[in-house]
Amino acid sequence: MKVSSKLLFVVLLTVSMACRKSGSFSDTPFLEYRSHAFENESGTNRKTYTLTVYFTDGDGDIGLLDNTPLDSCNENAYNFLIRYFEQVGGVYEEVLPVDSCLPFHNIIPNITPEGQNKTLEGDIIAAFPYSGLPQNSTDSIKFEFVLIDRAGNRSPAISSGAIALEE
């Protein structure tokens, strides 16, 4: 039940299929950081960063199949990995989630297109819950992302770069 409610809250995925010939993209997922937006829900202490990452995948095997068992305590269950860092003393240090069974990672459902052209291209929009953070005295944070397809191909890790915290 934890996983279902987390998925509804954490992951929003938008995909637009490219009008490209099959094979235009590598079968290894590619990521490019696009943007972030900070939202402070009025009347509550809830804060969220909405992170947007562009992706491509040549064979379209992105997302977990419907019959894949979900174990939120197993990091291998996640296919969109998010690492969070805070700048401390001029160096970025990774901040781990308080509960190891509720990581910052996301699960993307199966988005493989029907038909012969399986090429995928689009944006992954992930809501990152920011309440209770930062854990350290810092003025900037950053995120690192990795996308893993069903064949086990991992995109190279990409970074958001420094994000100044809003006062």
N, C-alpha and C. Protein backbone atom coordinates (compact mmCIF):
# COMPACT_ATOMS: atom_id res chain seq x y z
N MET A 1 0.82 -1.19 0.00
CA MET A 1 0.00 0.00 0.00
C MET A 1 0.86 1.26 0.00
N LYS A 2 2.00 1.21 0.75
CA LYS A 2 2.91 2.35 0.76
C LYS A 2 3.36 2.71 -0.64
N VAL A 3 3.70 1.69 -1.42
CA VAL A 3 4.23 1.94 -2.76
C VAL A 3 3.18 2.59 -3.63
N SER A 4 1.94 2.11 -3.60
CA SER A 4 0.88 2.67 -4.45
C SER A 4 0.66 4.14 -4.17
N SER A 5 0.52 4.49 -2.89
CA SER A 5 0.27 5.88 -2.56
C SER A 5 1.48 6.74 -2.89
N LYS A 6 2.68 6.20 -2.70
CA LYS A 6 3.88 6.95 -3.04
C LYS A 6 3.95 7.19 -4.54
N LEU A 7 3.61 6.18 -5.32
CA LEU A 7 3.66 6.33 -6.77
C LEU A 7 2.71 7.42 -7.24
N LEU A 8 1.50 7.44 -6.68
CA LEU A 8 0.54 8.45 -7.09
C LEU A 8 1.05 9.84 -6.76
N PHE A 9 1.72 9.98 -5.64
CA PHE A 9 2.21 11.28 -5.20
C PHE A 9 3.51 11.67 -5.90
N VAL A 10 4.37 10.72 -6.15
CA VAL A 10 5.72 11.03 -6.56
C VAL A 10 5.92 11.09 -8.07
N VAL A 11 5.22 10.27 -8.83
CA VAL A 11 5.56 10.19 -10.25
C VAL A 11 4.44 10.71 -11.13
N LEU A 12 4.82 11.60 -12.01
CA LEU A 12 3.95 12.03 -13.10
C LEU A 12 4.81 11.90 -14.34
N LEU A 13 4.34 11.14 -15.29
CA LEU A 13 5.15 10.88 -16.48
C LEU A 13 4.42 11.38 -17.70
N THR A 14 5.12 12.14 -18.51
CA THR A 14 4.58 12.61 -19.78
C THR A 14 5.49 12.09 -20.87
N VAL A 15 4.91 11.42 -21.85
CA VAL A 15 5.71 10.86 -22.93
C VAL A 15 5.14 11.33 -24.25
N SER A 16 6.03 11.76 -25.12
CA SER A 16 5.62 12.05 -26.48
C SER A 16 6.47 11.21 -27.40
N MET A 17 5.84 10.42 -28.23
CA MET A 17 6.60 9.56 -29.12
C MET A 17 7.10 10.39 -30.29
N ALA A 18 8.32 10.12 -30.65
CA ALA A 18 8.97 10.88 -31.71
C ALA A 18 8.54 10.37 -33.08
N CYS A 19 8.51 11.28 -34.02
CA CYS A 19 8.25 10.92 -35.41
C CYS A 19 9.61 10.68 -36.06
N ARG A 20 10.32 9.72 -35.58
CA ARG A 20 11.65 9.41 -36.08
C ARG A 20 11.68 7.96 -36.52
N LYS A 21 12.65 7.66 -37.35
CA LYS A 21 12.84 6.29 -37.78
C LYS A 21 13.30 5.46 -36.59
N SER A 22 12.85 4.21 -36.55
CA SER A 22 13.30 3.30 -35.51
C SER A 22 14.82 3.21 -35.55
N GLY A 23 15.45 3.23 -34.39
CA GLY A 23 16.89 3.12 -34.34
C GLY A 23 17.60 4.47 -34.30
N SER A 24 16.86 5.59 -34.30
CA SER A 24 17.48 6.91 -34.25
C SER A 24 18.17 7.15 -32.91
N PHE A 25 17.72 6.49 -31.87
CA PHE A 25 18.29 6.65 -30.54
C PHE A 25 18.95 5.34 -30.12
N SER A 26 19.88 5.46 -29.20
CA SER A 26 20.55 4.29 -28.64
C SER A 26 19.55 3.48 -27.81
N ASP A 27 19.80 2.18 -27.69
CA ASP A 27 18.97 1.33 -26.83
C ASP A 27 19.26 1.58 -25.35
N THR A 28 20.35 2.27 -25.07
CA THR A 28 20.64 2.68 -23.69
C THR A 28 19.95 4.01 -23.47
N PRO A 29 19.15 4.13 -22.40
CA PRO A 29 18.45 5.40 -22.17
C PRO A 29 19.42 6.58 -22.08
N PHE A 30 18.93 7.72 -22.55
CA PHE A 30 19.67 8.98 -22.50
C PHE A 30 18.84 9.95 -21.68
N LEU A 31 19.49 10.72 -20.81
CA LEU A 31 18.81 11.72 -20.00
C LEU A 31 19.46 13.09 -20.17
N GLU A 32 18.63 14.11 -20.03
CA GLU A 32 19.11 15.50 -20.04
C GLU A 32 18.25 16.28 -19.04
N TYR A 33 18.90 16.92 -18.09
CA TYR A 33 18.17 17.70 -17.09
C TYR A 33 17.54 18.91 -17.77
N ARG A 34 16.27 19.17 -17.47
CA ARG A 34 15.56 20.31 -18.07
C ARG A 34 15.29 21.43 -17.07
N SER A 35 14.58 21.12 -15.97
CA SER A 35 14.18 22.22 -15.09
C SER A 35 13.72 21.71 -13.73
N HIS A 36 13.49 22.68 -12.85
CA HIS A 36 12.90 22.40 -11.54
C HIS A 36 11.97 23.56 -11.19
N ALA A 37 11.02 23.27 -10.35
CA ALA A 37 10.12 24.31 -9.83
C ALA A 37 9.84 23.97 -8.37
N PHE A 38 9.91 24.97 -7.51
CA PHE A 38 9.66 24.78 -6.09
C PHE A 38 8.24 25.19 -5.78
N GLU A 39 7.53 24.33 -5.08
CA GLU A 39 6.15 24.62 -4.71
C GLU A 39 6.01 24.48 -3.20
N ASN A 40 5.40 25.47 -2.59
CA ASN A 40 5.12 25.44 -1.16
C ASN A 40 3.61 25.46 -1.04
N GLU A 41 3.02 24.34 -0.64
CA GLU A 41 1.57 24.23 -0.56
C GLU A 41 1.04 25.15 0.52
N SER A 42 0.24 26.13 0.13
CA SER A 42 -0.23 27.13 1.09
C SER A 42 -1.07 26.47 2.18
N GLY A 43 -0.87 26.95 3.40
CA GLY A 43 -1.62 26.43 4.54
C GLY A 43 -1.05 25.15 5.12
N THR A 44 0.05 24.66 4.55
CA THR A 44 0.67 23.43 5.08
C THR A 44 2.19 23.63 5.13
N ASN A 45 2.85 22.65 5.70
CA ASN A 45 4.32 22.66 5.72
C ASN A 45 4.89 21.85 4.55
N ARG A 46 4.04 21.42 3.63
CA ARG A 46 4.50 20.58 2.51
C ARG A 46 5.21 21.42 1.46
N LYS A 47 6.41 20.95 1.12
CA LYS A 47 7.20 21.59 0.08
C LYS A 47 7.57 20.52 -0.95
N THR A 48 7.60 20.91 -2.20
CA THR A 48 7.89 19.96 -3.27
C THR A 48 8.73 20.62 -4.34
N TYR A 49 9.74 19.90 -4.82
CA TYR A 49 10.44 20.28 -6.04
C TYR A 49 9.86 19.44 -7.16
N THR A 50 9.45 20.06 -8.24
CA THR A 50 9.02 19.33 -9.42
C THR A 50 10.20 19.35 -10.38
N LEU A 51 10.72 18.15 -10.67
CA LEU A 51 11.92 18.00 -11.48
C LEU A 51 11.54 17.48 -12.86
N THR A 52 12.07 18.09 -13.91
CA THR A 52 11.78 17.66 -15.28
C THR A 52 13.07 17.22 -15.95
N VAL A 53 13.04 15.99 -16.47
CA VAL A 53 14.20 15.40 -17.14
C VAL A 53 13.72 14.87 -18.49
N TYR A 54 14.42 15.24 -19.55
CA TYR A 54 14.14 14.75 -20.90
C TYR A 54 14.82 13.39 -21.06
N PHE A 55 14.15 12.45 -21.79
CA PHE A 55 14.76 11.14 -22.01
C PHE A 55 14.51 10.66 -23.43
N THR A 56 15.38 9.76 -23.89
CA THR A 56 15.16 9.02 -25.13
C THR A 56 15.53 7.56 -24.87
N ASP A 57 14.92 6.67 -25.65
CA ASP A 57 15.27 5.25 -25.60
C ASP A 57 14.92 4.64 -26.95
N GLY A 58 15.90 4.04 -27.60
CA GLY A 58 15.73 3.53 -28.96
C GLY A 58 14.84 2.32 -29.09
N ASP A 59 14.82 1.44 -28.06
CA ASP A 59 14.00 0.24 -28.18
C ASP A 59 12.74 0.29 -27.32
N GLY A 60 12.53 1.39 -26.63
CA GLY A 60 11.27 1.63 -25.93
C GLY A 60 10.97 0.74 -24.74
N ASP A 61 11.98 0.09 -24.18
CA ASP A 61 11.70 -0.81 -23.06
C ASP A 61 11.84 -0.08 -21.72
N ILE A 62 11.10 1.00 -21.61
CA ILE A 62 11.09 1.80 -20.39
C ILE A 62 9.85 1.45 -19.57
N GLY A 63 10.05 1.28 -18.29
CA GLY A 63 8.93 1.05 -17.38
C GLY A 63 8.80 -0.40 -16.96
N LEU A 64 8.25 -0.58 -15.78
CA LEU A 64 8.04 -1.92 -15.25
C LEU A 64 6.81 -2.54 -15.87
N LEU A 65 6.89 -3.83 -16.12
CA LEU A 65 5.73 -4.56 -16.63
C LEU A 65 4.72 -4.72 -15.50
N ASP A 66 3.46 -4.91 -15.87
CA ASP A 66 2.39 -4.99 -14.88
C ASP A 66 2.59 -6.10 -13.86
N ASN A 67 3.26 -7.18 -14.24
CA ASN A 67 3.42 -8.31 -13.32
C ASN A 67 4.70 -8.23 -12.50
N THR A 68 5.43 -7.13 -12.56
CA THR A 68 6.66 -6.97 -11.80
C THR A 68 6.32 -6.72 -10.33
N PRO A 69 6.83 -7.57 -9.43
CA PRO A 69 6.54 -7.34 -8.00
C PRO A 69 7.23 -6.07 -7.52
N LEU A 70 6.55 -5.32 -6.69
CA LEU A 70 7.09 -4.07 -6.17
C LEU A 70 7.46 -4.23 -4.70
N ASP A 71 8.70 -4.00 -4.39
CA ASP A 71 9.20 -4.05 -3.03
C ASP A 71 9.91 -2.74 -2.77
N SER A 72 9.25 -1.84 -2.05
CA SER A 72 9.80 -0.50 -1.87
C SER A 72 11.10 -0.49 -1.08
N CYS A 73 11.41 -1.57 -0.36
CA CYS A 73 12.65 -1.64 0.41
C CYS A 73 13.82 -2.16 -0.43
N ASN A 74 13.55 -2.56 -1.67
CA ASN A 74 14.58 -3.09 -2.55
C ASN A 74 14.91 -2.04 -3.61
N GLU A 75 16.12 -1.48 -3.56
CA GLU A 75 16.48 -0.43 -4.50
C GLU A 75 16.40 -0.90 -5.95
N ASN A 76 16.54 -2.19 -6.19
CA ASN A 76 16.46 -2.73 -7.55
C ASN A 76 15.04 -2.69 -8.12
N ALA A 77 14.05 -2.37 -7.30
CA ALA A 77 12.66 -2.28 -7.77
C ALA A 77 12.41 -0.96 -8.51
N TYR A 78 13.32 -0.01 -8.38
CA TYR A 78 13.12 1.32 -8.95
C TYR A 78 13.85 1.45 -10.28
N ASN A 79 13.23 2.18 -11.22
CA ASN A 79 13.86 2.35 -12.53
C ASN A 79 14.20 3.80 -12.86
N PHE A 80 13.84 4.72 -12.01
CA PHE A 80 14.25 6.12 -12.16
C PHE A 80 14.86 6.53 -10.83
N LEU A 81 16.19 6.53 -10.78
CA LEU A 81 16.89 6.78 -9.53
C LEU A 81 17.16 8.27 -9.36
N ILE A 82 16.87 8.76 -8.16
CA ILE A 82 17.10 10.16 -7.82
C ILE A 82 17.96 10.19 -6.56
N ARG A 83 19.09 10.87 -6.67
CA ARG A 83 19.95 11.09 -5.51
C ARG A 83 19.91 12.58 -5.21
N TYR A 84 19.88 12.90 -3.91
CA TYR A 84 19.75 14.28 -3.45
C TYR A 84 21.02 14.69 -2.70
N PHE A 85 21.51 15.88 -2.99
CA PHE A 85 22.75 16.38 -2.39
C PHE A 85 22.55 17.78 -1.83
N GLU A 86 23.24 18.06 -0.72
CA GLU A 86 23.27 19.40 -0.14
C GLU A 86 24.72 19.87 -0.08
N GLN A 87 24.93 21.16 -0.36
CA GLN A 87 26.28 21.70 -0.29
C GLN A 87 26.62 22.00 1.16
N VAL A 88 27.68 21.37 1.65
CA VAL A 88 28.14 21.56 3.03
C VAL A 88 29.63 21.89 2.97
N GLY A 89 30.00 23.06 3.43
CA GLY A 89 31.41 23.45 3.41
C GLY A 89 32.00 23.48 2.02
N GLY A 90 31.19 23.87 1.03
CA GLY A 90 31.66 23.98 -0.35
C GLY A 90 31.68 22.67 -1.12
N VAL A 91 31.29 21.56 -0.48
CA VAL A 91 31.28 20.24 -1.12
C VAL A 91 29.87 19.67 -1.06
N TYR A 92 29.43 19.06 -2.16
CA TYR A 92 28.11 18.44 -2.17
C TYR A 92 28.18 17.06 -1.52
N GLU A 93 27.32 16.86 -0.52
CA GLU A 93 27.24 15.58 0.19
C GLU A 93 25.86 14.99 -0.05
N GLU A 94 25.81 13.69 -0.32
CA GLU A 94 24.53 13.03 -0.53
C GLU A 94 23.77 12.94 0.78
N VAL A 95 22.48 13.22 0.71
CA VAL A 95 21.59 13.09 1.85
C VAL A 95 20.69 11.90 1.56
N LEU A 96 20.72 10.93 2.45
CA LEU A 96 19.92 9.72 2.27
C LEU A 96 18.54 9.92 2.88
N PRO A 97 17.53 9.23 2.35
CA PRO A 97 16.18 9.36 2.93
C PRO A 97 16.16 8.86 4.37
N VAL A 98 15.27 9.41 5.16
CA VAL A 98 15.15 9.03 6.56
C VAL A 98 14.73 7.56 6.68
N ASP A 99 13.85 7.10 5.80
CA ASP A 99 13.37 5.71 5.79
C ASP A 99 13.89 5.03 4.53
N SER A 100 14.71 4.01 4.69
CA SER A 100 15.29 3.34 3.53
C SER A 100 14.24 2.63 2.68
N CYS A 101 13.04 2.41 3.22
CA CYS A 101 11.95 1.81 2.44
C CYS A 101 11.13 2.86 1.70
N LEU A 102 11.48 4.12 1.87
CA LEU A 102 10.83 5.21 1.14
C LEU A 102 11.91 6.08 0.49
N PRO A 103 12.64 5.51 -0.48
CA PRO A 103 13.74 6.27 -1.09
C PRO A 103 13.21 7.40 -1.96
N PHE A 104 14.13 8.22 -2.44
CA PHE A 104 13.78 9.33 -3.32
C PHE A 104 13.49 8.84 -4.74
N HIS A 105 13.83 7.58 -5.04
CA HIS A 105 13.67 7.03 -6.38
C HIS A 105 12.19 6.94 -6.78
N ASN A 106 11.97 6.70 -8.08
CA ASN A 106 10.62 6.59 -8.62
C ASN A 106 10.49 5.31 -9.43
N ILE A 107 9.27 4.90 -9.62
CA ILE A 107 8.96 3.75 -10.48
C ILE A 107 8.14 4.26 -11.65
N ILE A 108 8.68 4.06 -12.84
CA ILE A 108 7.96 4.44 -14.06
C ILE A 108 7.23 3.20 -14.55
N PRO A 109 5.93 3.32 -14.83
CA PRO A 109 5.18 2.17 -15.34
C PRO A 109 5.57 1.89 -16.80
N ASN A 110 5.14 0.78 -17.32
CA ASN A 110 5.43 0.41 -18.71
C ASN A 110 4.86 1.45 -19.66
N ILE A 111 5.73 2.03 -20.49
CA ILE A 111 5.29 3.02 -21.48
C ILE A 111 5.72 2.61 -22.89
N THR A 112 6.05 1.32 -23.08
CA THR A 112 6.47 0.85 -24.39
C THR A 112 5.34 1.05 -25.39
N PRO A 113 5.62 1.73 -26.50
CA PRO A 113 4.56 1.98 -27.48
C PRO A 113 4.18 0.72 -28.25
N GLU A 114 2.95 0.70 -28.73
CA GLU A 114 2.47 -0.38 -29.60
C GLU A 114 3.08 -0.19 -30.98
N GLY A 115 3.04 -1.21 -31.80
CA GLY A 115 3.51 -1.10 -33.19
C GLY A 115 4.99 -1.40 -33.33
N GLN A 116 5.48 -1.18 -34.57
CA GLN A 116 6.87 -1.52 -34.88
C GLN A 116 7.87 -0.51 -34.34
N ASN A 117 7.56 0.77 -34.39
CA ASN A 117 8.49 1.78 -33.93
C ASN A 117 8.37 1.92 -32.42
N LYS A 118 9.35 1.42 -31.70
CA LYS A 118 9.34 1.45 -30.24
C LYS A 118 10.10 2.65 -29.66
N THR A 119 10.63 3.49 -30.53
CA THR A 119 11.42 4.63 -30.08
C THR A 119 10.61 5.51 -29.13
N LEU A 120 11.23 5.89 -28.03
CA LEU A 120 10.58 6.76 -27.05
C LEU A 120 11.39 8.03 -26.85
N GLU A 121 10.66 9.11 -26.62
CA GLU A 121 11.25 10.41 -26.34
C GLU A 121 10.22 11.19 -25.55
N GLY A 122 10.64 11.86 -24.51
CA GLY A 122 9.67 12.64 -23.74
C GLY A 122 10.27 13.22 -22.49
N ASP A 123 9.42 13.68 -21.59
CA ASP A 123 9.84 14.25 -20.32
C ASP A 123 9.36 13.38 -19.18
N ILE A 124 10.21 13.19 -18.21
CA ILE A 124 9.81 12.58 -16.94
C ILE A 124 9.68 13.75 -15.97
N ILE A 125 8.51 13.86 -15.38
CA ILE A 125 8.24 14.93 -14.42
C ILE A 125 8.01 14.25 -13.08
N ALA A 126 8.95 14.45 -12.16
CA ALA A 126 8.89 13.78 -10.86
C ALA A 126 8.76 14.81 -9.75
N ALA A 127 7.81 14.59 -8.87
CA ALA A 127 7.65 15.45 -7.70
C ALA A 127 8.55 14.90 -6.59
N PHE A 128 9.44 15.75 -6.09
CA PHE A 128 10.37 15.36 -5.04
C PHE A 128 9.91 16.02 -3.74
N PRO A 129 9.40 15.23 -2.78
CA PRO A 129 8.94 15.82 -1.52
C PRO A 129 10.10 16.43 -0.75
N TYR A 130 9.99 17.70 -0.39
CA TYR A 130 11.10 18.42 0.20
C TYR A 130 10.84 18.81 1.66
N SER A 131 9.73 18.42 2.22
CA SER A 131 9.43 18.74 3.61
C SER A 131 10.48 18.09 4.51
N GLY A 132 10.94 18.81 5.50
CA GLY A 132 11.97 18.31 6.41
C GLY A 132 13.38 18.46 5.89
N LEU A 133 13.53 19.05 4.73
CA LEU A 133 14.86 19.26 4.15
C LEU A 133 15.08 20.77 4.01
N PRO A 134 16.24 21.29 3.95
CA PRO A 134 17.51 20.57 3.99
C PRO A 134 17.83 20.08 5.39
N GLN A 135 18.69 19.06 5.44
CA GLN A 135 19.12 18.51 6.73
C GLN A 135 20.30 19.28 7.29
N ASN A 136 21.04 19.96 6.41
CA ASN A 136 22.23 20.70 6.81
C ASN A 136 22.01 22.19 6.56
N SER A 137 22.87 23.00 7.15
CA SER A 137 22.85 24.43 6.86
C SER A 137 23.47 24.61 5.47
N THR A 138 22.66 24.97 4.51
CA THR A 138 23.12 25.05 3.13
C THR A 138 22.34 26.10 2.36
N ASP A 139 22.94 26.59 1.29
CA ASP A 139 22.22 27.52 0.43
C ASP A 139 21.98 26.95 -0.96
N SER A 140 22.50 25.73 -1.21
CA SER A 140 22.24 25.12 -2.52
C SER A 140 22.21 23.60 -2.42
N ILE A 141 21.44 23.04 -3.35
CA ILE A 141 21.25 21.60 -3.43
C ILE A 141 21.44 21.18 -4.88
N LYS A 142 21.49 19.89 -5.12
CA LYS A 142 21.46 19.39 -6.49
C LYS A 142 20.91 17.97 -6.47
N PHE A 143 20.52 17.51 -7.65
CA PHE A 143 19.97 16.17 -7.82
C PHE A 143 20.78 15.44 -8.88
N GLU A 144 20.81 14.12 -8.76
CA GLU A 144 21.43 13.27 -9.77
C GLU A 144 20.39 12.23 -10.19
N PHE A 145 20.36 11.92 -11.49
CA PHE A 145 19.34 11.03 -12.04
C PHE A 145 19.97 9.91 -12.87
N VAL A 146 19.35 8.72 -12.82
CA VAL A 146 19.71 7.59 -13.68
C VAL A 146 18.41 6.90 -14.06
N LEU A 147 18.27 6.55 -15.34
CA LEU A 147 17.11 5.80 -15.83
C LEU A 147 17.58 4.41 -16.23
N ILE A 148 16.84 3.39 -15.80
CA ILE A 148 17.20 2.00 -16.09
C ILE A 148 16.06 1.38 -16.89
N ASP A 149 16.39 0.77 -18.05
CA ASP A 149 15.35 0.12 -18.84
C ASP A 149 15.20 -1.34 -18.43
N ARG A 150 14.23 -2.03 -19.01
CA ARG A 150 13.96 -3.42 -18.62
C ARG A 150 15.10 -4.37 -18.96
N ALA A 151 15.94 -4.02 -19.93
CA ALA A 151 17.08 -4.85 -20.28
C ALA A 151 18.24 -4.63 -19.30
N GLY A 152 18.08 -3.70 -18.39
CA GLY A 152 19.14 -3.41 -17.42
C GLY A 152 20.11 -2.34 -17.88
N ASN A 153 19.87 -1.74 -19.05
CA ASN A 153 20.71 -0.65 -19.52
C ASN A 153 20.48 0.58 -18.65
N ARG A 154 21.56 1.16 -18.17
CA ARG A 154 21.50 2.35 -17.31
C ARG A 154 21.97 3.56 -18.09
N SER A 155 21.20 4.63 -18.03
CA SER A 155 21.67 5.88 -18.63
C SER A 155 22.88 6.35 -17.85
N PRO A 156 23.74 7.13 -18.48
CA PRO A 156 24.79 7.78 -17.68
C PRO A 156 24.11 8.71 -16.66
N ALA A 157 24.69 8.80 -15.48
CA ALA A 157 24.14 9.69 -14.45
C ALA A 157 24.27 11.14 -14.91
N ILE A 158 23.21 11.90 -14.68
CA ILE A 158 23.24 13.33 -14.98
C ILE A 158 22.91 14.11 -13.72
N SER A 159 23.31 15.37 -13.69
CA SER A 159 23.10 16.21 -12.52
C SER A 159 22.29 17.44 -12.90
N SER A 160 21.55 17.93 -11.92
CA SER A 160 20.80 19.17 -12.12
C SER A 160 21.72 20.38 -12.07
N GLY A 161 22.90 20.21 -11.55
CA GLY A 161 23.75 21.37 -11.27
C GLY A 161 23.24 22.03 -10.00
N ALA A 162 23.90 23.06 -9.55
CA ALA A 162 23.54 23.73 -8.30
C ALA A 162 22.18 24.42 -8.41
N ILE A 163 21.36 24.23 -7.42
CA ILE A 163 20.05 24.88 -7.33
C ILE A 163 20.06 25.71 -6.05
N ALA A 164 19.96 27.04 -6.19
CA ALA A 164 19.93 27.91 -5.03
C ALA A 164 18.62 27.73 -4.29
N LEU A 165 18.71 27.61 -2.98
CA LEU A 165 17.50 27.47 -2.16
C LEU A 165 16.79 28.80 -2.06
N GLU A 166 15.48 28.71 -2.10
CA GLU A 166 14.67 29.92 -2.00
C GLU A 166 14.55 30.31 -0.52
N GLU A 167 14.65 31.57 -0.26
CA GLU A 167 14.57 32.08 1.12
C GLU A 167 13.14 32.11 1.57
